[in-house]
Amino acid sequence: MTQMRLHLTFPEERVREPIVYEICKNFPVVVNIRRADISDDSGWMELEMDGDLPDLERTVAYLRDRGIVVAPIEKSILEG
């Protein structure tokens, strides 16, 4: 099992959509929201996802296809 830590940036047209629900329903990955800030016109989220690498890659492709900007979060030296 692999873990990805991602920073998601949502455009205005996607803020009201249940993206996390859609991920959990359509992909065999475990999602953990670490931080988020969502308003009516924009939003961002730090997300951890656990799963098999091909499933994680398909999930990231799905997010990008929906217009969500996906960037990896690198572990800091302090985190280990």
PDB file of N, CA and C in Angstrom:
ATOM      1  N   MET A   1       0.845  -1.175   0.000  1.00  0.00           N
ATOM      2  CA  MET A   1       0.000   0.000   0.000  1.00  0.00           C
ATOM      3  C   MET A   1       0.894   1.244   0.000  1.00  0.00           C
ATOM      4  N   THR A   2       0.477   2.233  -0.748  1.00  0.00           N
ATOM      5  CA  THR A   2       1.226   3.475  -0.923  1.00  0.00           C
ATOM      6  C   THR A   2       0.408   4.626  -0.357  1.00  0.00           C
ATOM      7  N   GLN A   3       1.109   5.652   0.141  1.00  0.00           N
ATOM      8  CA  GLN A   3       0.421   6.845   0.605  1.00  0.00           C
ATOM      9  C   GLN A   3       0.882   8.044  -0.207  1.00  0.00           C
ATOM     10  N   MET A   4      -0.075   8.875  -0.581  1.00  0.00           N
ATOM     11  CA  MET A   4       0.213  10.142  -1.252  1.00  0.00           C
ATOM     12  C   MET A   4      -0.322  11.260  -0.376  1.00  0.00           C
ATOM     13  N   ARG A   5       0.460  12.326  -0.269  1.00  0.00           N
ATOM     14  CA  ARG A   5      -0.007  13.543   0.388  1.00  0.00           C
ATOM     15  C   ARG A   5      -0.112  14.603  -0.697  1.00  0.00           C
ATOM     16  N   LEU A   6      -1.306  15.178  -0.846  1.00  0.00           N
ATOM     17  CA  LEU A   6      -1.575  16.075  -1.957  1.00  0.00           C
ATOM     18  C   LEU A   6      -2.179  17.384  -1.483  1.00  0.00           C
ATOM     19  N   HIS A   7      -1.862  18.441  -2.213  1.00  0.00           N
ATOM     20  CA  HIS A   7      -2.512  19.735  -2.025  1.00  0.00           C
ATOM     21  C   HIS A   7      -3.418  19.942  -3.232  1.00  0.00           C
ATOM     22  N   LEU A   8      -4.715  20.093  -2.969  1.00  0.00           N
ATOM     23  CA  LEU A   8      -5.696  20.284  -4.028  1.00  0.00           C
ATOM     24  C   LEU A   8      -6.162  21.736  -4.012  1.00  0.00           C
ATOM     25  N   THR A   9      -6.237  22.347  -5.188  1.00  0.00           N
ATOM     26  CA  THR A   9      -6.779  23.690  -5.320  1.00  0.00           C
ATOM     27  C   THR A   9      -8.000  23.610  -6.223  1.00  0.00           C
ATOM     28  N   PHE A  10      -9.132  24.066  -5.697  1.00  0.00           N
ATOM     29  CA  PHE A  10     -10.409  23.949  -6.396  1.00  0.00           C
ATOM     30  C   PHE A  10     -10.771  25.254  -7.092  1.00  0.00           C
ATOM     31  N   PRO A  11     -11.126  25.190  -8.370  1.00  0.00           N
ATOM     32  CA  PRO A  11     -11.653  26.378  -9.041  1.00  0.00           C
ATOM     33  C   PRO A  11     -13.095  26.626  -8.579  1.00  0.00           C
ATOM     34  N   GLU A  12     -13.562  27.815  -8.803  1.00  0.00           N
ATOM     35  CA  GLU A  12     -14.894  28.208  -8.329  1.00  0.00           C
ATOM     36  C   GLU A  12     -15.990  27.235  -8.756  1.00  0.00           C
ATOM     37  N   GLU A  13     -15.921  26.744  -9.985  1.00  0.00           N
ATOM     38  CA  GLU A  13     -16.988  25.873 -10.479  1.00  0.00           C
ATOM     39  C   GLU A  13     -16.989  24.481  -9.845  1.00  0.00           C
ATOM     40  N   ARG A  14     -15.965  24.132  -9.084  1.00  0.00           N
ATOM     41  CA  ARG A  14     -15.896  22.806  -8.446  1.00  0.00           C
ATOM     42  C   ARG A  14     -16.077  22.857  -6.924  1.00  0.00           C
ATOM     43  N   VAL A  15     -16.111  24.042  -6.343  1.00  0.00           N
ATOM     44  CA  VAL A  15     -16.137  24.173  -4.883  1.00  0.00           C
ATOM     45  C   VAL A  15     -17.348  23.476  -4.267  1.00  0.00           C
ATOM     46  N   ARG A  16     -18.487  23.540  -4.895  1.00  0.00           N
ATOM     47  CA  ARG A  16     -19.712  22.986  -4.314  1.00  0.00           C
ATOM     48  C   ARG A  16     -19.928  21.501  -4.638  1.00  0.00           C
ATOM     49  N   GLU A  17     -19.048  20.909  -5.406  1.00  0.00           N
ATOM     50  CA  GLU A  17     -19.200  19.496  -5.767  1.00  0.00           C
ATOM     51  C   GLU A  17     -18.643  18.587  -4.671  1.00  0.00           C
ATOM     52  N   PRO A  18     -19.249  17.423  -4.457  1.00  0.00           N
ATOM     53  CA  PRO A  18     -18.788  16.493  -3.416  1.00  0.00           C
ATOM     54  C   PRO A  18     -17.610  15.637  -3.901  1.00  0.00           C
ATOM     55  N   ILE A  19     -16.489  16.277  -4.146  1.00  0.00           N
ATOM     56  CA  ILE A  19     -15.329  15.595  -4.736  1.00  0.00           C
ATOM     57  C   ILE A  19     -14.817  14.462  -3.857  1.00  0.00           C
ATOM     58  N   VAL A  20     -14.688  14.682  -2.553  1.00  0.00           N
ATOM     59  CA  VAL A  20     -14.175  13.632  -1.662  1.00  0.00           C
ATOM     60  C   VAL A  20     -15.128  12.435  -1.664  1.00  0.00           C
ATOM     61  N   TYR A  21     -16.416  12.696  -1.628  1.00  0.00           N
ATOM     62  CA  TYR A  21     -17.401  11.612  -1.715  1.00  0.00           C
ATOM     63  C   TYR A  21     -17.225  10.828  -3.013  1.00  0.00           C
ATOM     64  N   GLU A  22     -17.066  11.530  -4.123  1.00  0.00           N
ATOM     65  CA  GLU A  22     -16.900  10.866  -5.419  1.00  0.00           C
ATOM     66  C   GLU A  22     -15.642  10.003  -5.443  1.00  0.00           C
ATOM     67  N   ILE A  23     -14.558  10.493  -4.843  1.00  0.00           N
ATOM     68  CA  ILE A  23     -13.321   9.699  -4.768  1.00  0.00           C
ATOM     69  C   ILE A  23     -13.585   8.405  -4.002  1.00  0.00           C
ATOM     70  N   CYS A  24     -14.175   8.541  -2.808  1.00  0.00           N
ATOM     71  CA  CYS A  24     -14.412   7.370  -1.959  1.00  0.00           C
ATOM     72  C   CYS A  24     -15.365   6.370  -2.612  1.00  0.00           C
ATOM     73  N   LYS A  25     -16.319   6.864  -3.358  1.00  0.00           N
ATOM     74  CA  LYS A  25     -17.312   5.993  -4.005  1.00  0.00           C
ATOM     75  C   LYS A  25     -16.737   5.283  -5.229  1.00  0.00           C
ATOM     76  N   ASN A  26     -15.878   5.975  -5.986  1.00  0.00           N
ATOM     77  CA  ASN A  26     -15.449   5.461  -7.281  1.00  0.00           C
ATOM     78  C   ASN A  26     -14.061   4.841  -7.334  1.00  0.00           C
ATOM     79  N   PHE A  27     -13.263   5.026  -6.280  1.00  0.00           N
ATOM     80  CA  PHE A  27     -11.893   4.515  -6.292  1.00  0.00           C
ATOM     81  C   PHE A  27     -11.606   3.769  -4.996  1.00  0.00           C
ATOM     82  N   PRO A  28     -10.852   2.666  -5.072  1.00  0.00           N
ATOM     83  CA  PRO A  28     -10.531   1.903  -3.859  1.00  0.00           C
ATOM     84  C   PRO A  28      -9.343   2.522  -3.108  1.00  0.00           C
ATOM     85  N   VAL A  29      -9.549   3.737  -2.605  1.00  0.00           N
ATOM     86  CA  VAL A  29      -8.514   4.435  -1.843  1.00  0.00           C
ATOM     87  C   VAL A  29      -9.130   4.906  -0.526  1.00  0.00           C
ATOM     88  N   VAL A  30      -8.266   5.092   0.476  1.00  0.00           N
ATOM     89  CA  VAL A  30      -8.682   5.626   1.767  1.00  0.00           C
ATOM     90  C   VAL A  30      -8.249   7.083   1.805  1.00  0.00           C
ATOM     91  N   VAL A  31      -9.189   7.967   2.119  1.00  0.00           N
ATOM     92  CA  VAL A  31      -8.945   9.408   2.083  1.00  0.00           C
ATOM     93  C   VAL A  31      -8.970   9.973   3.499  1.00  0.00           C
ATOM     94  N   ASN A  32      -8.004  10.839   3.793  1.00  0.00           N
ATOM     95  CA  ASN A  32      -7.946  11.531   5.072  1.00  0.00           C
ATOM     96  C   ASN A  32      -7.710  13.011   4.788  1.00  0.00           C
ATOM     97  N   ILE A  33      -8.676  13.852   5.144  1.00  0.00           N
ATOM     98  CA  ILE A  33      -8.515  15.298   4.964  1.00  0.00           C
ATOM     99  C   ILE A  33      -7.709  15.825   6.146  1.00  0.00           C
ATOM    100  N   ARG A  34      -6.558  16.393   5.853  1.00  0.00           N
ATOM    101  CA  ARG A  34      -5.681  16.902   6.912  1.00  0.00           C
ATOM    102  C   ARG A  34      -5.940  18.375   7.227  1.00  0.00           C
ATOM    103  N   ARG A  35      -6.189  19.172   6.213  1.00  0.00           N
ATOM    104  CA  ARG A  35      -6.496  20.593   6.366  1.00  0.00           C
ATOM    105  C   ARG A  35      -7.309  21.014   5.156  1.00  0.00           C
ATOM    106  N   ALA A  36      -8.124  22.050   5.345  1.00  0.00           N
ATOM    107  CA  ALA A  36      -8.900  22.549   4.210  1.00  0.00           C
ATOM    108  C   ALA A  36      -9.395  23.956   4.509  1.00  0.00           C
ATOM    109  N   ASP A  37      -9.611  24.699   3.448  1.00  0.00           N
ATOM    110  CA  ASP A  37     -10.225  26.015   3.530  1.00  0.00           C
ATOM    111  C   ASP A  37     -11.056  26.183   2.265  1.00  0.00           C
ATOM    112  N   ILE A  38     -12.366  26.175   2.444  1.00  0.00           N
ATOM    113  CA  ILE A  38     -13.279  26.245   1.313  1.00  0.00           C
ATOM    114  C   ILE A  38     -14.194  27.452   1.504  1.00  0.00           C
ATOM    115  N   SER A  39     -14.347  28.253   0.468  1.00  0.00           N
ATOM    116  CA  SER A  39     -15.288  29.367   0.494  1.00  0.00           C
ATOM    117  C   SER A  39     -16.225  29.221  -0.703  1.00  0.00           C
ATOM    118  N   ASP A  40     -17.074  30.204  -0.926  1.00  0.00           N
ATOM    119  CA  ASP A  40     -18.028  30.116  -2.038  1.00  0.00           C
ATOM    120  C   ASP A  40     -17.363  30.179  -3.403  1.00  0.00           C
ATOM    121  N   ASP A  41     -16.182  30.788  -3.484  1.00  0.00           N
ATOM    122  CA  ASP A  41     -15.584  30.986  -4.808  1.00  0.00           C
ATOM    123  C   ASP A  41     -14.230  30.314  -5.009  1.00  0.00           C
ATOM    124  N   SER A  42     -13.673  29.686  -3.984  1.00  0.00           N
ATOM    125  CA  SER A  42     -12.392  28.986  -4.150  1.00  0.00           C
ATOM    126  C   SER A  42     -12.173  28.066  -2.959  1.00  0.00           C
ATOM    127  N   GLY A  43     -11.156  27.259  -3.066  1.00  0.00           N
ATOM    128  CA  GLY A  43     -10.852  26.390  -1.947  1.00  0.00           C
ATOM    129  C   GLY A  43      -9.587  25.589  -2.169  1.00  0.00           C
ATOM    130  N   TRP A  44      -9.039  25.105  -1.058  1.00  0.00           N
ATOM    131  CA  TRP A  44      -7.880  24.220  -1.121  1.00  0.00           C
ATOM    132  C   TRP A  44      -8.040  23.154  -0.043  1.00  0.00           C
ATOM    133  N   MET A  45      -7.324  22.053  -0.229  1.00  0.00           N
ATOM    134  CA  MET A  45      -7.405  20.951   0.710  1.00  0.00           C
ATOM    135  C   MET A  45      -6.082  20.196   0.710  1.00  0.00           C
ATOM    136  N   GLU A  46      -5.626  19.818   1.897  1.00  0.00           N
ATOM    137  CA  GLU A  46      -4.500  18.899   2.014  1.00  0.00           C
ATOM    138  C   GLU A  46      -5.084  17.533   2.323  1.00  0.00           C
ATOM    139  N   LEU A  47      -4.734  16.584   1.483  1.00  0.00           N
ATOM    140  CA  LEU A  47      -5.360  15.273   1.504  1.00  0.00           C
ATOM    141  C   LEU A  47      -4.301  14.189   1.552  1.00  0.00           C
ATOM    142  N   GLU A  48      -4.531  13.175   2.373  1.00  0.00           N
ATOM    143  CA  GLU A  48      -3.719  11.960   2.338  1.00  0.00           C
ATOM    144  C   GLU A  48      -4.573  10.870   1.712  1.00  0.00           C
ATOM    145  N   MET A  49      -3.981  10.127   0.822  1.00  0.00           N
ATOM    146  CA  MET A  49      -4.679   8.993   0.211  1.00  0.00           C
ATOM    147  C   MET A  49      -3.799   7.758   0.320  1.00  0.00           C
ATOM    148  N   ASP A  50      -4.398   6.665   0.766  1.00  0.00           N
ATOM    149  CA  ASP A  50      -3.722   5.374   0.845  1.00  0.00           C
ATOM    150  C   ASP A  50      -4.373   4.414  -0.144  1.00  0.00           C
ATOM    151  N   GLY A  51      -3.541   3.626  -0.803  1.00  0.00           N
ATOM    152  CA  GLY A  51      -4.059   2.627  -1.734  1.00  0.00           C
ATOM    153  C   GLY A  51      -2.946   2.088  -2.598  1.00  0.00           C
ATOM    154  N   ASP A  52      -3.318   1.236  -3.526  1.00  0.00           N
ATOM    155  CA  ASP A  52      -2.345   0.721  -4.489  1.00  0.00           C
ATOM    156  C   ASP A  52      -1.989   1.843  -5.465  1.00  0.00           C
ATOM    157  N   LEU A  53      -0.744   1.896  -5.874  1.00  0.00           N
ATOM    158  CA  LEU A  53      -0.257   2.987  -6.717  1.00  0.00           C
ATOM    159  C   LEU A  53      -1.096   3.207  -7.978  1.00  0.00           C
ATOM    160  N   PRO A  54      -1.472   2.171  -8.723  1.00  0.00           N
ATOM    161  CA  PRO A  54      -2.303   2.418  -9.914  1.00  0.00           C
ATOM    162  C   PRO A  54      -3.641   3.086  -9.579  1.00  0.00           C
ATOM    163  N   ASP A  55      -4.251   2.709  -8.445  1.00  0.00           N
ATOM    164  CA  ASP A  55      -5.512   3.317  -8.033  1.00  0.00           C
ATOM    165  C   ASP A  55      -5.309   4.780  -7.636  1.00  0.00           C
ATOM    166  N   LEU A  56      -4.214   5.070  -6.949  1.00  0.00           N
ATOM    167  CA  LEU A  56      -3.904   6.449  -6.584  1.00  0.00           C
ATOM    168  C   LEU A  56      -3.668   7.302  -7.826  1.00  0.00           C
ATOM    169  N   GLU A  57      -2.949   6.754  -8.785  1.00  0.00           N
ATOM    170  CA  GLU A  57      -2.681   7.497 -10.021  1.00  0.00           C
ATOM    171  C   GLU A  57      -3.971   7.769 -10.793  1.00  0.00           C
ATOM    172  N   ARG A  58      -4.880   6.804 -10.826  1.00  0.00           N
ATOM    173  CA  ARG A  58      -6.177   7.017 -11.493  1.00  0.00           C
ATOM    174  C   ARG A  58      -6.997   8.077 -10.766  1.00  0.00           C
ATOM    175  N   THR A  59      -6.915   8.092  -9.442  1.00  0.00           N
ATOM    176  CA  THR A  59      -7.628   9.100  -8.662  1.00  0.00           C
ATOM    177  C   THR A  59      -7.089  10.488  -8.950  1.00  0.00           C
ATOM    178  N   VAL A  60      -5.776  10.637  -9.006  1.00  0.00           N
ATOM    179  CA  VAL A  60      -5.165  11.932  -9.318  1.00  0.00           C
ATOM    180  C   VAL A  60      -5.563  12.375 -10.732  1.00  0.00           C
ATOM    181  N   ALA A  61      -5.551  11.459 -11.671  1.00  0.00           N
ATOM    182  CA  ALA A  61      -5.962  11.799 -13.044  1.00  0.00           C
ATOM    183  C   ALA A  61      -7.419  12.264 -13.068  1.00  0.00           C
ATOM    184  N   TYR A  62      -8.275  11.606 -12.300  1.00  0.00           N
ATOM    185  CA  TYR A  62      -9.679  12.001 -12.209  1.00  0.00           C
ATOM    186  C   TYR A  62      -9.798  13.436 -11.681  1.00  0.00           C
ATOM    187  N   LEU A  63      -9.067  13.742 -10.617  1.00  0.00           N
ATOM    188  CA  LEU A  63      -9.106  15.092 -10.049  1.00  0.00           C
ATOM    189  C   LEU A  63      -8.661  16.130 -11.066  1.00  0.00           C
ATOM    190  N   ARG A  64      -7.569  15.847 -11.749  1.00  0.00           N
ATOM    191  CA  ARG A  64      -7.067  16.792 -12.751  1.00  0.00           C
ATOM    192  C   ARG A  64      -8.048  16.953 -13.904  1.00  0.00           C
ATOM    193  N   ASP A  65      -8.686  15.870 -14.304  1.00  0.00           N
ATOM    194  CA  ASP A  65      -9.701  15.946 -15.363  1.00  0.00           C
ATOM    195  C   ASP A  65     -10.876  16.825 -14.956  1.00  0.00           C
ATOM    196  N   ARG A  66     -11.137  16.915 -13.658  1.00  0.00           N
ATOM    197  CA  ARG A  66     -12.221  17.747 -13.142  1.00  0.00           C
ATOM    198  C   ARG A  66     -11.803  19.217 -12.992  1.00  0.00           C
ATOM    199  N   GLY A  67     -10.556  19.536 -13.349  1.00  0.00           N
ATOM    200  CA  GLY A  67     -10.085  20.912 -13.272  1.00  0.00           C
ATOM    201  C   GLY A  67      -9.470  21.289 -11.939  1.00  0.00           C
ATOM    202  N   ILE A  68      -9.230  20.307 -11.094  1.00  0.00           N
ATOM    203  CA  ILE A  68      -8.624  20.556  -9.784  1.00  0.00           C
ATOM    204  C   ILE A  68      -7.111  20.488  -9.941  1.00  0.00           C
ATOM    205  N   VAL A  69      -6.423  21.472  -9.399  1.00  0.00           N
ATOM    206  CA  VAL A  69      -4.961  21.500  -9.446  1.00  0.00           C
ATOM    207  C   VAL A  69      -4.450  20.597  -8.330  1.00  0.00           C
ATOM    208  N   VAL A  70      -3.636  19.628  -8.693  1.00  0.00           N
ATOM    209  CA  VAL A  70      -3.108  18.647  -7.739  1.00  0.00           C
ATOM    210  C   VAL A  70      -1.600  18.795  -7.676  1.00  0.00           C
ATOM    211  N   ALA A  71      -1.074  19.006  -6.460  1.00  0.00           N
ATOM    212  CA  ALA A  71       0.374  19.121  -6.255  1.00  0.00           C
ATOM    213  C   ALA A  71       0.775  18.217  -5.091  1.00  0.00           C
ATOM    214  N   PRO A  72       1.883  17.500  -5.221  1.00  0.00           N
ATOM    215  CA  PRO A  72       2.333  16.664  -4.110  1.00  0.00           C
ATOM    216  C   PRO A  72       2.819  17.521  -2.946  1.00  0.00           C
ATOM    217  N   ILE A  73       2.609  17.037  -1.746  1.00  0.00           N
ATOM    218  CA  ILE A  73       3.165  17.663  -0.544  1.00  0.00           C
ATOM    219  C   ILE A  73       4.362  16.833  -0.131  1.00  0.00           C
ATOM    220  N   GLU A  74       5.493  17.464  -0.078  1.00  0.00           N
ATOM    221  CA  GLU A  74       6.714  16.759   0.316  1.00  0.00           C
ATOM    222  C   GLU A  74       6.792  16.699   1.835  1.00  0.00           C
ATOM    223  N   LYS A  75       7.275  15.581   2.362  1.00  0.00           N
ATOM    224  CA  LYS A  75       7.504  15.489   3.788  1.00  0.00           C
ATOM    225  C   LYS A  75       8.636  16.425   4.177  1.00  0.00           C
ATOM    226  N   SER A  76       8.464  17.091   5.284  1.00  0.00           N
ATOM    227  CA  SER A  76       9.544  17.946   5.768  1.00  0.00           C
ATOM    228  C   SER A  76      10.535  17.092   6.548  1.00  0.00           C
ATOM    229  N   ILE A  77      11.723  17.623   6.753  1.00  0.00           N
ATOM    230  CA  ILE A  77      12.750  16.914   7.512  1.00  0.00           C
ATOM    231  C   ILE A  77      12.272  16.673   8.941  1.00  0.00           C
ATOM    232  N   LEU A  78      11.494  17.600   9.500  1.00  0.00           N
ATOM    233  CA  LEU A  78      11.011  17.459  10.862  1.00  0.00           C
ATOM    234  C   LEU A  78      10.001  16.330  11.010  1.00  0.00           C
ATOM    235  N   GLU A  79       9.287  15.990   9.954  1.00  0.00           N
ATOM    236  CA  GLU A  79       8.297  14.915  10.017  1.00  0.00           C
ATOM    237  C   GLU A  79       8.953  13.535   9.991  1.00  0.00           C
ATOM    238  N   GLY A  80      10.169  13.462   9.581  1.00  0.00           N
ATOM    239  CA  GLY A  80      10.841  12.167   9.541  1.00  0.00           C
ATOM    240  C   GLY A  80      11.075  11.772   8.170  1.00  0.00           C
TER     241      GLY A  80
END
